[in-house]
Amino acid sequence: FAVAAMGTASAVVTIVLIFTLGGKGHDIVAQGTLGILYPQDSESREIKSLDGIWNFRLAPRLQPDLGFQQEWYSKPLDETGDVDLMPVPSSYNDVTQSKEYRDHVGWAWYDRTFRIPQQWKDKRVFVRFGAANYHSIVYVNGQKVVEHAGGALPFLAELKTELKPAEDNLITVAINNTLSSDTVPQ
């Protein structure tokens, strides 16, 4: 990982959507473990990977909260300014030769659209992140669904009213890689 002053590489690891029938005895999500174990397709669970190429934009160094002030999560990032394409999973600090990306500490924004099958309507659907370093806020269709701090830990959120079956859904993730005296060292 590349290290910048008071920061660390911003890695995003494997993102999946999970459809689960719920109520089954062997369903880890229904058992209250919050589905932190890596999900696998089964008779009661279907997985849809969101890994791939995402839109990406750094918050300006001198205006770190600009994305929140302008609500970048409420519309596609490419409507808020210039974006680059970024593979997920990856660490944006390590993907290009750009000094701006390599040395960036602060908020970075990702987004992409996805669809869920019509048969997932009215079913339990979760979004699960393998990890995102360090502080993450996830929005689906402009609604905040989860906030998480911890660079190497998986996290998830159940998506309820945020999803539009058989239509494009927008997922936006704001990630801040700033280290402080309260964060776990890299």
Protein backbone atom coordinates (compact mmCIF):
# COMPACT_ATOMS: atom_id res chain seq x y z
CA PHE A 1 0.00 0.00 0.00
CA ALA A 2 1.10 3.54 -0.71
CA VAL A 3 1.31 5.73 2.36
CA ALA A 4 0.77 9.47 2.45
CA ALA A 5 1.11 11.80 5.42
CA MET A 6 -1.60 10.85 7.92
CA GLY A 7 -3.26 8.59 5.35
CA THR A 8 -3.24 5.11 3.96
CA ALA A 9 -4.17 3.41 0.74
CA SER A 10 -7.88 3.34 0.06
CA ALA A 11 -8.75 -0.21 -0.86
CA VAL A 12 -12.21 -1.36 -1.81
CA VAL A 13 -12.65 -5.12 -1.70
CA THR A 14 -15.35 -7.19 -3.40
CA ILE A 15 -18.90 -5.85 -3.35
CA VAL A 16 -21.87 -8.17 -3.78
CA LEU A 17 -25.64 -7.96 -3.67
CA ILE A 18 -27.24 -10.84 -1.79
CA PHE A 19 -30.81 -12.02 -2.27
CA THR A 20 -31.94 -14.29 0.50
CA LEU A 21 -35.23 -16.05 1.11
CA GLY A 22 -34.89 -15.40 4.84
CA GLY A 23 -36.35 -17.47 7.63
CA LYS A 24 -34.35 -20.57 6.70
CA GLY A 25 -32.44 -22.20 9.54
CA HIS A 26 -29.21 -22.25 7.53
CA ASP A 27 -29.48 -18.63 6.39
CA ILE A 28 -26.64 -16.76 8.13
CA VAL A 29 -28.31 -13.40 7.62
CA ALA A 30 -31.54 -14.59 9.25
CA GLN A 31 -29.59 -16.10 12.15
CA GLY A 32 -28.50 -12.65 13.27
CA THR A 33 -24.81 -12.89 12.37
CA LEU A 34 -25.37 -10.03 9.92
CA GLY A 35 -24.06 -12.13 7.02
CA ILE A 36 -20.45 -11.25 7.68
CA LEU A 37 -19.32 -14.69 6.53
CA TYR A 38 -18.56 -14.64 2.82
CA PRO A 39 -21.88 -15.29 1.03
CA GLN A 40 -22.22 -18.22 -1.34
CA ASP A 41 -24.99 -19.14 -3.74
CA SER A 42 -27.31 -21.73 -2.23
CA GLU A 43 -30.94 -22.82 -2.38
CA SER A 44 -31.83 -19.84 -0.17
CA ARG A 45 -29.35 -17.23 -1.39
CA GLU A 46 -28.39 -15.72 -4.75
CA ILE A 47 -25.32 -13.50 -5.25
CA LYS A 48 -24.82 -10.66 -7.77
CA SER A 49 -21.32 -9.18 -7.91
CA LEU A 50 -20.88 -5.42 -8.21
CA ASP A 51 -17.15 -5.78 -8.85
CA GLY A 52 -16.00 -4.15 -12.05
CA ILE A 53 -15.43 -0.66 -13.38
CA TRP A 54 -16.92 2.18 -11.31
CA ASN A 55 -16.99 5.95 -11.81
CA PHE A 56 -14.51 7.65 -9.50
CA ARG A 57 -13.85 11.18 -8.27
CA LEU A 58 -11.65 12.64 -5.55
CA ALA A 59 -12.95 15.38 -3.30
CA PRO A 60 -10.89 18.55 -3.86
CA ARG A 61 -8.03 18.84 -1.37
CA LEU A 62 -9.09 22.34 -0.29
CA GLN A 63 -12.82 21.47 -0.23
CA PRO A 64 -12.92 17.99 1.33
CA ASP A 65 -16.66 18.11 2.10
CA LEU A 66 -17.74 19.36 -1.32
CA GLY A 67 -19.31 16.01 -2.24
CA PHE A 68 -21.55 16.12 0.82
CA GLN A 69 -22.37 19.82 0.38
CA GLN A 70 -23.35 19.27 -3.27
CA GLU A 71 -24.95 15.87 -2.52
CA TRP A 72 -22.91 13.91 -5.07
CA TYR A 73 -24.71 10.79 -3.84
CA SER A 74 -28.05 12.03 -5.19
CA LYS A 75 -27.13 11.75 -8.90
CA PRO A 76 -24.49 10.03 -11.05
CA LEU A 77 -20.97 11.29 -10.30
CA ASP A 78 -20.40 12.15 -13.96
CA GLU A 79 -23.10 14.83 -13.57
CA THR A 80 -21.10 16.49 -10.76
CA GLY A 81 -17.85 16.98 -12.68
CA ASP A 82 -15.06 15.00 -14.31
CA VAL A 83 -14.76 11.36 -13.31
CA ASP A 84 -12.28 8.62 -14.04
CA LEU A 85 -12.97 4.93 -14.34
CA MET A 86 -11.71 2.83 -11.43
CA PRO A 87 -11.62 -0.95 -11.02
CA VAL A 88 -13.25 -2.43 -7.92
CA PRO A 89 -11.73 -4.16 -6.06
CA SER A 90 -8.59 -2.06 -6.05
CA SER A 91 -6.74 0.67 -4.20
CA TYR A 92 -7.05 3.95 -6.09
CA ASN A 93 -3.76 5.11 -4.54
CA ASP A 94 -2.00 2.33 -6.45
CA VAL A 95 -3.90 2.10 -9.75
CA THR A 96 -2.41 4.98 -11.73
CA GLN A 97 0.86 6.87 -11.86
CA SER A 98 -0.99 10.04 -10.91
CA LYS A 99 0.62 11.84 -7.96
CA GLU A 100 -2.80 13.29 -7.14
CA TYR A 101 -4.27 9.79 -6.68
CA ARG A 102 -1.18 8.24 -5.08
CA ASP A 103 -0.87 10.93 -2.40
CA HIS A 104 -4.55 11.73 -1.85
CA VAL A 105 -5.77 11.68 1.74
CA GLY A 106 -9.44 12.38 2.38
CA TRP A 107 -12.74 11.63 0.67
CA ALA A 108 -12.94 9.68 -2.57
CA TRP A 109 -16.23 8.90 -4.30
CA TYR A 110 -17.28 5.85 -6.33
CA ASP A 111 -20.54 5.11 -8.11
CA ARG A 112 -22.15 2.78 -10.61
CA THR A 113 -25.59 1.58 -11.61
CA PHE A 114 -26.93 -1.93 -11.22
CA ARG A 115 -30.19 -3.79 -11.69
CA ILE A 116 -31.83 -6.43 -9.59
CA PRO A 117 -34.07 -9.08 -11.12
CA GLN A 118 -37.84 -8.59 -10.86
CA GLN A 119 -38.08 -11.80 -8.79
CA TRP A 120 -36.03 -10.09 -6.04
CA LYS A 121 -38.91 -7.66 -5.47
CA ASP A 122 -40.26 -7.94 -1.91
CA LYS A 123 -37.34 -10.20 -0.90
CA ARG A 124 -34.52 -9.48 1.55
CA VAL A 125 -31.61 -7.91 -0.35
CA PHE A 126 -28.28 -6.93 1.18
CA VAL A 127 -25.22 -5.14 -0.13
CA ARG A 128 -21.98 -6.53 1.33
CA PHE A 129 -18.53 -4.95 1.15
CA GLY A 130 -15.51 -7.21 1.71
CA ALA A 131 -13.72 -4.13 3.08
CA ALA A 132 -13.21 -0.44 2.36
CA ASN A 133 -10.42 1.55 3.92
CA TYR A 134 -11.20 3.36 6.22
CA HIS A 135 -14.43 5.30 6.80
CA SER A 136 -17.21 4.52 4.33
CA ILE A 137 -20.67 5.90 3.70
CA VAL A 138 -22.88 4.00 1.25
CA TYR A 139 -25.91 5.43 -0.55
CA VAL A 140 -28.40 3.64 -2.80
CA ASN A 141 -30.56 5.85 -5.00
CA GLY A 142 -29.61 8.88 -2.90
CA GLN A 143 -30.51 7.30 0.45
CA LYS A 144 -27.84 6.56 3.05
CA VAL A 145 -27.90 2.82 3.81
CA VAL A 146 -24.82 2.25 5.97
CA GLU A 147 -21.82 4.01 7.49
CA HIS A 148 -18.80 1.97 8.55
CA ALA A 149 -15.34 2.61 10.01
CA GLY A 150 -12.66 -0.06 9.90
CA GLY A 151 -10.31 -0.70 7.05
CA ALA A 152 -10.07 -4.48 6.88
CA LEU A 153 -13.51 -5.56 8.04
CA PRO A 154 -16.51 -6.61 5.94
CA PHE A 155 -19.79 -4.75 6.40
CA LEU A 156 -23.26 -4.90 4.93
CA ALA A 157 -26.66 -3.24 4.85
CA GLU A 158 -30.11 -4.56 4.14
CA LEU A 159 -31.71 -2.66 1.26
CA LYS A 160 -35.42 -2.13 1.72
CA THR A 161 -37.24 0.84 0.21
CA GLU A 162 -34.10 2.07 -1.57
CA LEU A 163 -34.22 -0.48 -4.41
CA LYS A 164 -36.12 -0.21 -7.67
CA PRO A 165 -36.66 -3.74 -9.09
CA ALA A 166 -36.11 -4.12 -12.85
CA GLU A 167 -34.81 -0.52 -13.10
CA ASP A 168 -31.39 1.10 -12.83
CA ASN A 169 -30.28 1.63 -9.23
CA LEU A 170 -27.41 3.97 -8.32
CA ILE A 171 -24.95 2.97 -5.61
CA THR A 172 -22.55 5.65 -4.38
CA VAL A 173 -19.76 5.10 -1.89
CA ALA A 174 -17.79 7.87 -0.17
CA ILE A 175 -14.55 6.59 1.39
CA ASN A 176 -12.14 8.54 3.60
CA ASN A 177 -8.66 7.08 4.11
CA THR A 178 -7.49 9.61 6.72
CA LEU A 179 -5.75 8.04 9.70
CA SER A 180 -5.97 9.57 13.15
CA SER A 181 -5.16 8.62 16.72
CA ASP A 182 -8.55 6.83 16.83
CA THR A 183 -8.13 4.63 13.74
CA VAL A 184 -6.57 1.19 13.62
CA PRO A 185 -3.06 1.45 12.12
CA GLN A 186 -2.57 -0.03 8.65
